[in-house]
């Protein structure tokens, strides 16, 4: 099971990185904070100080077409915000 799916690259994520040294990742929905911490430390070789997680519920959308009402939904997502120890930096674009 791969715990880290991909880093989140957005304006808010970049702002948090510059302001607090916090990095955002999409992670497996079944992973807990300890597994996420170990995966980030093993992948990037840094010391993690704090892990905060949030689960995004699936979004449901509907649309009227010639065949009637079409309903679809997105997948459930889990995002982790990782705060690193003082002086640690992750280069998101250069993964080992």
Protein backbone atom coordinates (compact mmCIF):
# COMPACT_ATOMS: atom_id res chain seq x y z
CA UNK A 1 0.00 0.00 0.00
CA UNK A 2 1.42 3.35 -1.03
CA UNK A 3 0.55 5.90 1.64
CA UNK A 4 1.49 9.09 -0.22
CA UNK A 5 -0.39 9.54 -3.48
CA UNK A 6 0.91 12.94 -4.61
CA UNK A 7 1.80 16.38 -3.28
CA UNK A 8 -0.84 19.10 -3.50
CA UNK A 9 0.38 22.06 -5.56
CA UNK A 10 -1.93 25.04 -5.24
CA UNK A 11 -1.76 28.68 -4.22
CA UNK A 12 -2.87 27.90 -0.68
CA UNK A 13 -0.43 25.00 -0.32
CA UNK A 14 2.45 27.17 -1.56
CA UNK A 15 1.42 29.94 0.84
CA UNK A 16 1.47 27.50 3.78
CA UNK A 17 4.88 26.25 2.69
CA UNK A 18 6.31 29.77 2.59
CA UNK A 19 4.62 30.91 5.81
CA UNK A 20 4.89 27.89 8.14
CA UNK A 21 7.01 25.28 6.36
CA UNK A 22 3.91 23.06 5.98
CA UNK A 23 3.51 20.76 2.98
CA UNK A 24 0.25 19.24 1.69
CA UNK A 25 -0.11 15.72 0.30
CA UNK A 26 -2.98 13.57 -0.93
CA UNK A 27 -2.74 10.32 1.00
CA UNK A 28 -4.49 6.97 1.16
CA UNK A 29 -7.87 7.28 2.89
CA UNK A 30 -7.07 4.33 5.19
CA UNK A 31 -3.67 5.66 6.35
CA UNK A 32 -3.32 7.06 9.86
CA UNK A 33 -1.05 9.88 11.05
CA UNK A 34 1.76 7.57 12.17
CA UNK A 35 1.89 5.81 8.78
CA UNK A 36 1.84 9.18 6.97
CA UNK A 37 4.68 10.50 9.15
CA UNK A 38 6.85 7.42 8.53
CA UNK A 39 6.16 7.53 4.76
CA UNK A 40 7.14 11.20 4.44
CA UNK A 41 10.28 10.72 6.52
CA UNK A 42 11.30 7.67 4.45
CA UNK A 43 10.50 9.24 1.07
CA UNK A 44 12.01 12.70 1.57
CA UNK A 45 14.57 12.07 4.33
CA UNK A 46 13.28 14.83 6.65
CA UNK A 47 12.12 15.06 10.27
CA UNK A 48 8.35 15.56 10.60
CA UNK A 49 7.13 17.62 13.56
CA UNK A 50 3.35 17.50 13.06
CA UNK A 51 0.74 15.79 10.87
CA UNK A 52 -2.78 17.12 10.39
CA UNK A 53 -5.31 15.25 8.27
CA UNK A 54 -8.65 16.05 6.71
CA UNK A 55 -11.12 13.91 4.77
CA UNK A 56 -13.04 15.38 1.85
CA UNK A 57 -16.42 13.74 1.23
CA UNK A 58 -17.36 12.72 -2.32
CA UNK A 59 -19.05 15.41 -4.34
CA UNK A 60 -22.33 14.43 -6.00
CA UNK A 61 -23.42 16.12 -9.20
CA UNK A 62 -26.43 15.64 -11.44
CA UNK A 63 -27.17 16.76 -14.96
CA UNK A 64 -30.21 16.54 -17.21
CA UNK A 65 -29.56 14.96 -20.61
CA UNK A 66 -31.66 13.42 -23.38
CA UNK A 67 -31.62 10.14 -21.47
CA UNK A 68 -32.84 11.75 -18.24
CA UNK A 69 -31.12 12.65 -15.03
CA UNK A 70 -27.49 11.49 -14.91
CA UNK A 71 -25.92 11.34 -11.46
CA UNK A 72 -22.22 10.96 -10.71
CA UNK A 73 -19.88 11.40 -7.81
CA UNK A 74 -16.18 11.87 -7.19
CA UNK A 75 -13.99 9.74 -4.95
CA UNK A 76 -13.41 10.41 -1.26
CA UNK A 77 -10.06 12.13 -0.67
CA UNK A 78 -7.79 12.46 2.35
CA UNK A 79 -5.32 15.31 2.59
CA UNK A 80 -2.43 15.56 5.06
CA UNK A 81 -0.68 18.79 6.01
CA UNK A 82 2.84 18.01 7.19
CA UNK A 83 4.79 20.47 9.35
CA UNK A 84 8.52 19.84 9.32
CA UNK A 85 11.04 20.31 12.10
CA UNK A 86 12.94 23.59 12.26
CA UNK A 87 15.38 23.97 9.36
CA UNK A 88 13.99 21.08 7.27
CA UNK A 89 12.91 21.65 3.64
CA UNK A 90 11.33 19.39 1.01
CA UNK A 91 11.94 19.95 -2.68
CA UNK A 92 8.60 18.74 -4.06
CA UNK A 93 9.73 18.78 -7.69
CA UNK A 94 12.82 16.60 -7.11
CA UNK A 95 11.59 13.25 -5.80
CA UNK A 96 14.09 10.40 -5.26
